[in-house]
Every structure is written in C-alpha cells, then in structure tokens.
N, C-alpha and C. Protein backbone atom coordinates (compact mmCIF):
# COMPACT_ATOMS: atom_id res chain seq x y z
N UNK A 1 -4.74 7.37 17.49
CA UNK A 1 -3.32 7.62 17.52
C UNK A 1 -3.08 8.96 18.20
N UNK A 2 -2.06 9.01 19.02
CA UNK A 2 -1.74 10.23 19.75
C UNK A 2 -1.12 11.26 18.81
N UNK A 3 -1.43 12.52 19.06
CA UNK A 3 -0.77 13.61 18.36
C UNK A 3 0.49 13.96 19.14
N UNK A 4 1.53 14.28 18.42
CA UNK A 4 2.79 14.63 19.06
C UNK A 4 2.78 16.11 19.42
N UNK A 5 3.09 16.41 20.67
CA UNK A 5 3.20 17.79 21.14
C UNK A 5 4.59 18.29 20.77
N UNK A 6 4.65 19.13 19.72
CA UNK A 6 5.93 19.60 19.19
C UNK A 6 6.72 20.37 20.24
N UNK A 7 6.05 21.17 21.06
CA UNK A 7 6.75 21.92 22.11
C UNK A 7 7.38 20.98 23.13
N UNK A 8 6.66 19.93 23.49
CA UNK A 8 7.19 18.95 24.45
C UNK A 8 8.37 18.20 23.84
N UNK A 9 8.27 17.85 22.56
CA UNK A 9 9.38 17.18 21.89
C UNK A 9 10.61 18.09 21.89
N UNK A 10 10.39 19.35 21.55
CA UNK A 10 11.49 20.31 21.54
C UNK A 10 12.14 20.45 22.91
N UNK A 11 11.32 20.52 23.94
CA UNK A 11 11.84 20.63 25.30
C UNK A 11 12.63 19.37 25.68
N UNK A 12 12.12 18.20 25.26
CA UNK A 12 12.82 16.94 25.54
C UNK A 12 14.17 16.90 24.83
N UNK A 13 14.18 17.35 23.57
CA UNK A 13 15.43 17.36 22.81
C UNK A 13 16.45 18.26 23.51
N UNK A 14 16.01 19.46 23.90
CA UNK A 14 16.92 20.39 24.59
C UNK A 14 17.43 19.78 25.89
N UNK A 15 16.55 19.13 26.64
CA UNK A 15 16.93 18.53 27.91
C UNK A 15 17.94 17.40 27.71
N UNK A 16 17.67 16.52 26.76
CA UNK A 16 18.57 15.40 26.49
C UNK A 16 19.91 15.92 25.97
N UNK A 17 19.85 16.92 25.09
CA UNK A 17 21.08 17.52 24.55
C UNK A 17 21.96 18.06 25.67
N UNK A 18 21.32 18.80 26.59
CA UNK A 18 22.08 19.37 27.72
C UNK A 18 22.65 18.28 28.62
N UNK A 19 21.86 17.23 28.87
CA UNK A 19 22.35 16.12 29.71
C UNK A 19 23.53 15.42 29.08
N UNK A 20 23.61 15.48 27.76
CA UNK A 20 24.74 14.88 27.03
C UNK A 20 25.86 15.89 26.80
N UNK A 21 25.74 17.06 27.44
CA UNK A 21 26.76 18.11 27.33
C UNK A 21 27.06 18.49 25.88
N UNK A 22 26.00 18.61 25.09
CA UNK A 22 26.14 19.01 23.69
C UNK A 22 25.58 20.41 23.50
N UNK A 23 26.20 21.16 22.61
CA UNK A 23 25.64 22.45 22.20
C UNK A 23 24.67 22.19 21.06
N UNK A 24 23.87 23.20 20.73
CA UNK A 24 22.99 23.07 19.57
C UNK A 24 23.82 22.84 18.30
N UNK A 25 24.96 23.50 18.22
CA UNK A 25 25.84 23.35 17.06
C UNK A 25 26.34 21.91 16.94
N UNK A 26 26.73 21.33 18.06
CA UNK A 26 27.23 19.95 18.03
C UNK A 26 26.12 18.97 17.65
N UNK A 27 24.94 19.17 18.21
CA UNK A 27 23.81 18.30 17.86
C UNK A 27 23.48 18.44 16.37
N UNK A 28 23.47 19.67 15.89
CA UNK A 28 23.17 19.91 14.47
C UNK A 28 24.16 19.16 13.58
N UNK A 29 25.44 19.22 13.94
CA UNK A 29 26.47 18.54 13.16
C UNK A 29 26.27 17.02 13.19
N UNK A 30 26.01 16.48 14.38
CA UNK A 30 25.80 15.03 14.52
C UNK A 30 24.58 14.55 13.74
N UNK A 31 23.54 15.39 13.70
CA UNK A 31 22.29 15.01 13.04
C UNK A 31 22.27 15.38 11.56
N UNK A 32 23.28 16.14 11.12
CA UNK A 32 23.30 16.57 9.72
C UNK A 32 22.25 17.62 9.41
N UNK A 33 21.95 18.46 10.39
CA UNK A 33 20.95 19.51 10.24
C UNK A 33 21.58 20.86 10.58
N UNK A 34 20.87 21.94 10.30
CA UNK A 34 21.42 23.26 10.62
C UNK A 34 21.19 23.60 12.10
N UNK A 35 22.05 24.44 12.62
CA UNK A 35 21.90 24.90 14.00
C UNK A 35 20.59 25.66 14.16
N UNK A 36 20.23 26.45 13.16
CA UNK A 36 18.97 27.19 13.20
C UNK A 36 17.78 26.23 13.30
N UNK A 37 17.82 25.13 12.57
CA UNK A 37 16.74 24.15 12.61
C UNK A 37 16.63 23.55 14.02
N UNK A 38 17.77 23.15 14.59
CA UNK A 38 17.77 22.57 15.95
C UNK A 38 17.19 23.58 16.94
N UNK A 39 17.60 24.84 16.84
CA UNK A 39 17.09 25.88 17.75
C UNK A 39 15.58 26.02 17.61
N UNK A 40 15.10 26.01 16.38
CA UNK A 40 13.65 26.14 16.15
C UNK A 40 12.89 24.92 16.66
N UNK A 41 13.47 23.74 16.50
CA UNK A 41 12.84 22.51 17.02
C UNK A 41 12.73 22.60 18.53
N UNK A 42 13.82 22.99 19.18
CA UNK A 42 13.83 23.06 20.65
C UNK A 42 12.84 24.08 21.18
N UNK A 43 12.58 25.13 20.41
CA UNK A 43 11.59 26.13 20.83
C UNK A 43 10.16 25.74 20.44
N UNK A 44 10.01 24.61 19.74
CA UNK A 44 8.68 24.15 19.34
C UNK A 44 8.11 24.94 18.18
N UNK A 45 8.97 25.51 17.36
CA UNK A 45 8.53 26.36 16.25
C UNK A 45 8.39 25.62 14.92
N UNK A 46 8.77 24.36 14.86
CA UNK A 46 8.68 23.60 13.62
C UNK A 46 7.29 22.97 13.55
N UNK A 47 6.50 23.40 12.58
CA UNK A 47 5.13 22.89 12.46
C UNK A 47 5.09 21.51 11.79
N UNK A 48 5.91 21.31 10.78
CA UNK A 48 5.95 20.03 10.07
C UNK A 48 7.27 19.33 10.36
N UNK A 49 7.35 18.77 11.56
CA UNK A 49 8.56 18.11 12.01
C UNK A 49 8.70 16.80 11.24
N UNK A 50 9.61 16.76 10.30
CA UNK A 50 9.81 15.61 9.43
C UNK A 50 10.22 14.39 10.25
N UNK A 51 9.66 13.24 9.90
CA UNK A 51 10.00 12.00 10.60
C UNK A 51 11.48 11.66 10.42
N UNK A 52 12.02 11.92 9.24
CA UNK A 52 13.44 11.61 9.02
C UNK A 52 14.31 12.50 9.89
N UNK A 53 13.93 13.77 10.06
CA UNK A 53 14.71 14.65 10.92
C UNK A 53 14.58 14.23 12.38
N UNK A 54 13.41 13.75 12.76
CA UNK A 54 13.23 13.25 14.13
C UNK A 54 14.12 12.02 14.35
N UNK A 55 14.20 11.15 13.35
CA UNK A 55 15.08 9.98 13.44
C UNK A 55 16.54 10.40 13.53
N UNK A 56 16.92 11.40 12.75
CA UNK A 56 18.31 11.87 12.77
C UNK A 56 18.67 12.45 14.14
N UNK A 57 17.77 13.24 14.71
CA UNK A 57 18.04 13.83 16.03
C UNK A 57 18.09 12.74 17.09
N UNK A 58 17.15 11.79 17.02
CA UNK A 58 17.14 10.69 17.99
C UNK A 58 18.44 9.89 17.90
N UNK A 59 18.88 9.59 16.69
CA UNK A 59 20.12 8.83 16.52
C UNK A 59 21.32 9.62 17.03
N UNK A 60 21.35 10.92 16.75
CA UNK A 60 22.46 11.76 17.21
C UNK A 60 22.52 11.82 18.74
N UNK A 61 21.35 11.78 19.38
CA UNK A 61 21.29 11.81 20.84
C UNK A 61 21.34 10.41 21.45
N UNK A 62 21.31 9.38 20.59
CA UNK A 62 21.34 7.98 21.01
C UNK A 62 20.16 7.64 21.91
N UNK A 63 18.98 8.09 21.48
CA UNK A 63 17.73 7.77 22.17
C UNK A 63 16.71 7.30 21.15
N UNK A 64 15.62 6.76 21.61
CA UNK A 64 14.56 6.31 20.71
C UNK A 64 13.63 7.48 20.37
N UNK A 65 12.88 7.31 19.30
CA UNK A 65 11.88 8.32 18.94
C UNK A 65 10.87 8.44 20.06
N UNK A 66 10.54 7.33 20.67
CA UNK A 66 9.60 7.34 21.80
C UNK A 66 10.12 8.23 22.92
N UNK A 67 11.41 8.16 23.17
CA UNK A 67 11.99 8.99 24.23
C UNK A 67 11.88 10.47 23.89
N UNK A 68 12.00 10.81 22.62
CA UNK A 68 11.82 12.21 22.22
C UNK A 68 10.35 12.62 22.32
N UNK A 69 9.48 11.76 21.81
CA UNK A 69 8.06 12.10 21.74
C UNK A 69 7.37 12.06 23.09
N UNK A 70 7.75 11.15 23.93
CA UNK A 70 7.06 10.96 25.20
C UNK A 70 7.82 11.49 26.39
N UNK A 71 9.03 11.93 26.19
CA UNK A 71 9.82 12.42 27.32
C UNK A 71 10.30 11.30 28.21
N UNK A 72 10.45 10.13 27.63
CA UNK A 72 10.83 8.96 28.42
C UNK A 72 12.34 8.83 28.55
N UNK A 73 13.05 9.93 28.36
CA UNK A 73 14.51 9.86 28.37
C UNK A 73 15.08 9.54 29.75
N UNK A 74 14.24 9.50 30.76
CA UNK A 74 14.72 9.14 32.09
C UNK A 74 14.87 7.63 32.23
N UNK A 75 14.27 6.87 31.30
CA UNK A 75 14.39 5.41 31.36
C UNK A 75 15.84 5.02 31.15
N UNK A 76 16.19 3.89 31.71
CA UNK A 76 17.56 3.40 31.52
C UNK A 76 17.80 3.13 30.05
N UNK A 77 18.93 3.63 29.55
CA UNK A 77 19.26 3.49 28.13
C UNK A 77 20.05 2.21 27.90
N UNK A 78 19.86 1.67 26.72
CA UNK A 78 20.69 0.54 26.31
C UNK A 78 22.07 1.07 25.97
N UNK A 79 23.09 0.30 26.28
CA UNK A 79 24.45 0.76 26.02
C UNK A 79 24.79 0.74 24.54
N UNK A 80 24.24 -0.20 23.81
CA UNK A 80 24.57 -0.31 22.39
C UNK A 80 23.29 -0.37 21.58
N UNK A 81 23.21 0.45 20.53
CA UNK A 81 22.01 0.49 19.71
C UNK A 81 22.40 0.40 18.23
N UNK A 82 23.01 -0.73 17.84
CA UNK A 82 23.50 -0.84 16.46
C UNK A 82 22.37 -0.83 15.44
N UNK A 83 21.20 -1.34 15.78
CA UNK A 83 20.10 -1.38 14.81
C UNK A 83 19.61 0.02 14.47
N UNK A 84 19.57 0.89 15.46
CA UNK A 84 19.12 2.26 15.21
C UNK A 84 20.10 2.97 14.27
N UNK A 85 21.39 2.76 14.53
CA UNK A 85 22.40 3.40 13.69
C UNK A 85 22.33 2.86 12.27
N UNK A 86 22.13 1.55 12.12
CA UNK A 86 22.02 0.96 10.79
C UNK A 86 20.77 1.46 10.08
N UNK A 87 19.66 1.55 10.80
CA UNK A 87 18.43 2.06 10.21
C UNK A 87 18.61 3.49 9.71
N UNK A 88 19.22 4.33 10.51
CA UNK A 88 19.45 5.72 10.11
C UNK A 88 20.34 5.77 8.86
N UNK A 89 21.37 4.94 8.82
CA UNK A 89 22.28 4.90 7.67
C UNK A 89 21.52 4.48 6.41
N UNK A 90 20.70 3.45 6.53
CA UNK A 90 19.93 2.97 5.38
C UNK A 90 18.93 4.02 4.89
N UNK A 91 18.26 4.69 5.83
CA UNK A 91 17.32 5.74 5.45
C UNK A 91 18.03 6.88 4.74
N UNK A 92 19.22 7.22 5.20
CA UNK A 92 20.01 8.28 4.56
C UNK A 92 20.38 7.92 3.13
N UNK A 93 20.54 6.64 2.84
CA UNK A 93 20.94 6.20 1.51
C UNK A 93 19.78 6.21 0.51
N UNK A 94 18.56 6.24 1.01
CA UNK A 94 17.38 6.23 0.15
C UNK A 94 17.04 7.64 -0.29
N UNK A 95 16.22 7.71 -1.31
CA UNK A 95 15.71 9.01 -1.73
C UNK A 95 14.85 9.61 -0.62
N UNK A 96 14.75 10.94 -0.60
CA UNK A 96 14.02 11.63 0.46
C UNK A 96 12.58 11.15 0.58
N UNK A 97 11.87 11.03 -0.54
CA UNK A 97 10.46 10.65 -0.50
C UNK A 97 10.28 9.24 0.07
N UNK A 98 11.11 8.31 -0.37
CA UNK A 98 11.03 6.94 0.13
C UNK A 98 11.37 6.87 1.61
N UNK A 99 12.44 7.54 2.02
CA UNK A 99 12.83 7.49 3.42
C UNK A 99 11.78 8.14 4.31
N UNK A 100 11.15 9.20 3.82
CA UNK A 100 10.11 9.87 4.59
C UNK A 100 8.89 8.97 4.76
N UNK A 101 8.49 8.29 3.68
CA UNK A 101 7.35 7.37 3.77
C UNK A 101 7.64 6.21 4.72
N UNK A 102 8.83 5.66 4.64
CA UNK A 102 9.20 4.58 5.56
C UNK A 102 9.23 5.07 7.00
N UNK A 103 9.75 6.26 7.21
CA UNK A 103 9.83 6.83 8.56
C UNK A 103 8.43 7.02 9.14
N UNK A 104 7.53 7.55 8.32
CA UNK A 104 6.15 7.76 8.79
C UNK A 104 5.48 6.43 9.12
N UNK A 105 5.70 5.42 8.28
CA UNK A 105 5.14 4.09 8.55
C UNK A 105 5.70 3.50 9.83
N UNK A 106 6.99 3.68 10.04
CA UNK A 106 7.66 3.18 11.24
C UNK A 106 7.06 3.84 12.49
N UNK A 107 6.87 5.14 12.44
CA UNK A 107 6.30 5.87 13.58
C UNK A 107 4.87 5.41 13.84
N UNK A 108 4.07 5.24 12.80
CA UNK A 108 2.69 4.75 12.96
C UNK A 108 2.68 3.37 13.58
N UNK A 109 3.60 2.51 13.14
CA UNK A 109 3.67 1.16 13.69
C UNK A 109 4.01 1.20 15.18
N UNK A 110 4.95 2.05 15.55
CA UNK A 110 5.32 2.17 16.96
C UNK A 110 4.12 2.63 17.79
N UNK A 111 3.37 3.61 17.28
CA UNK A 111 2.20 4.09 18.00
C UNK A 111 1.15 2.98 18.14
N UNK A 112 0.96 2.17 17.11
CA UNK A 112 0.01 1.07 17.19
C UNK A 112 0.43 0.06 18.25
N UNK A 113 1.72 -0.24 18.30
CA UNK A 113 2.23 -1.18 19.30
C UNK A 113 2.05 -0.60 20.70
N UNK A 114 2.35 0.70 20.87
CA UNK A 114 2.19 1.33 22.18
C UNK A 114 0.72 1.33 22.61
N UNK A 115 -0.17 1.65 21.68
CA UNK A 115 -1.59 1.65 22.00
C UNK A 115 -2.07 0.26 22.38
N UNK A 116 -1.60 -0.76 21.64
CA UNK A 116 -1.97 -2.14 21.94
C UNK A 116 -1.44 -2.56 23.31
N UNK A 117 -0.19 -2.22 23.60
CA UNK A 117 0.39 -2.56 24.91
C UNK A 117 -0.37 -1.87 26.04
N UNK A 118 -0.75 -0.63 25.80
CA UNK A 118 -1.49 0.13 26.80
C UNK A 118 -2.84 -0.52 27.09
N UNK A 119 -3.51 -0.99 26.05
CA UNK A 119 -4.82 -1.66 26.22
C UNK A 119 -4.65 -2.94 27.02
N UNK A 120 -3.57 -3.69 26.73
CA UNK A 120 -3.33 -4.94 27.46
C UNK A 120 -3.02 -4.66 28.93
N UNK A 121 -2.27 -3.62 29.20
CA UNK A 121 -1.95 -3.28 30.59
C UNK A 121 -3.20 -2.87 31.35
N UNK A 122 -4.09 -2.12 30.71
CA UNK A 122 -5.32 -1.67 31.36
C UNK A 122 -6.27 -2.83 31.63
N UNK A 123 -6.26 -3.84 30.73
CA UNK A 123 -7.16 -4.98 30.92
C UNK A 123 -6.57 -6.04 31.85
N UNK A 124 -5.30 -5.83 32.26
CA UNK A 124 -4.68 -6.76 33.20
C UNK A 124 -4.11 -7.99 32.56
N UNK A 125 -3.93 -7.98 31.24
CA UNK A 125 -3.40 -9.15 30.53
C UNK A 125 -1.90 -9.14 30.53
C-alpha cells in the first residue's frame, strides 16, 4: 500500500482551493474545520491527517480523496457527486471512533482497488 505524502496532499489542497477561488477561511467553514488546521494541512505540517478530515476537505472542494492524495485534480470532474455528499453526511452523524474506522477502511479499499487496477494495466489485461 502506498504511503500518502502529506506535503503533496497539502499542496494539492491549496492548489484546488485556489482554483476554486476559495480562501482558507472559506474552505475551513465548508469543511467544518478551523482555518489554522487548513493552513497547517496546506503546509504539510499535520502528521496524523485524520481520514474523516480528509473526507471533509475533499467534499468541501468537491473532489475525490484520490484527487487529494494523488494530485489527480486535473482530471475531468463529474458535475454531480451526490453519493460523496451523502457519505460525508452519514459519517458526520456517526460517533467519531466509528466514522474514523469506516473512513480508514474506505481509504484502504480504494488503495487495494487502485493497486489491483495498476497490476491489470501493467499485465495488459
């Protein structure tokens, strides 16, 4: 499984935020986080970047976690992402520990799918 480069994620968040003409304050409000936290994330200073906070930032920016983690924000975006918004809402309604465990499992599943797809592409299948 790939390790996430926190500095790269922070740089991607800052880049996507700017492309969406948002300030750090506006992003913080949309994600339900503090402006200080957003600033620290963008500078790559958050050592334990919570999966739930990553989901909140991704939802606020209307991008996938993959786009934050991999810098794939240049890919064409879907116009409507109701499932992501519903997922974020449901996670917010759960207790912190449960939502964090589900978020971590979701991220691991995505990485497994990406790794599997990558293997299939390399083998020519």
